[in-house]
Amino acid sequence: MSWQSFPKVELHLHLEGAAPPAFIRGLAAEKKIDLRGIFREDGSYAYENFEHFLTVYEAACTVLTTPEDYRRLTLAVLEESAAHGVVYSETFVSPDFCGGGDVEAWRDYLAAMEEAAAEAERKFGITLKAIVTSIRHFGPDKARAPAICAAETKGAFLTGYGMAGAEMVGRPGDYTWAFDCAREAGLHLTCHAGEWGGPDMVADTLRDLAPERIGHGVNAIHDPALVDRLAEAGTVLEVCPGSNVVLNATPGGWSGHPIARLRERGVRVTVSTDDPPFFHTTMTREYEGLEKAFGWGEEEFRALNRTALDAAFCDADTKTRIGTLLEGTP
């Protein structure tokens, strides 16, 4: 069957990283900014490895300079997600790119994104919630301002806080202040770990930052005791198979990806696209890849979506409404 219309929940999506290349090129042309170096001849994003990917990502963000840019971006991203059956999405956004960490500037950007989310829900039937992220490779001190922005603007739309970026910069314990700030404000917590770092990075993140979810987390597979702990605690992993395969974060291609082994061991896994145009993926393609690699079908995907919805950073009424959509026939 075609998985495109199958109703889906996505928990791990970077808003800027989901920007269609044509959208970024269009903004660059409007603002007379030369970004030709970050695109291939076919118009797609050009990068060589993960470190270069981060450089290209941040270069693309240089054209996103106003709340209106983010309003347009949010609409474009949600229209694309909805076209692939996503009925509920959570997106990572950073005040570092939206006002430089200033709370009052951030409020304007956030309001623009929330306005776009409401419009997209009316037009495309997709619900969006926002998760503020600090950028790990900017350092522990720079992680504080986004956490404060998140704490000051927590609400029905902004429901979580986390950390993304280059995982091997520092150790989780270096960022406890920011996570404690967000926790005290009542925000849900997630954190990237175990994409590039080993099982110890996942274990240290759980111990020092105590997030409810782990972004990626796939390298936990190399420590059976840790896998058992994840399963027993019910910790949810926001797994992005296509991203891992393209970046070679998990060698062995789709068939060698650990998501199936983690799930078989009782770990609660979900499926997301991460930065879809960078990795030439969509939620439809993620499902197709998992079907081909592991023979997964409707039963498995419905279970994955139930897990994702249960772990979503939204209120009970929203979960009930989205749950009804998930039970529908695509």
Foldseek 3Di string as FASTA:
>chain_A
DFQQQQAFEAEFAALLLQQQLVLLVVLCVVVVHDLVVQADPVSFGDADADVRVVVSSVVSLVSVAALLSLLVSLLVSLVQQLSRNYQEYEYEDECCSQVNLDLVSNVSNVVSNVVSQVVCCVVRNHHYAYEYEDEPVVDQVSLQSSLVSLLVDDDQRHAYYEYDHDLPRDALLSNQVSLVSNVVSVHAYEYEFLLQDALVRVVRNCVRRVHQEYEANQNVVVPVVSLLVQQVVQHEYNHEQLVCQQNVSQPDHLLRRCPVVSVVSRHQYAYHHNSCSNSVDHVSRVVVSCCVNPVDDDVVNLSRRVSSLVSDRHDPVVSVVSVVVNVDDD
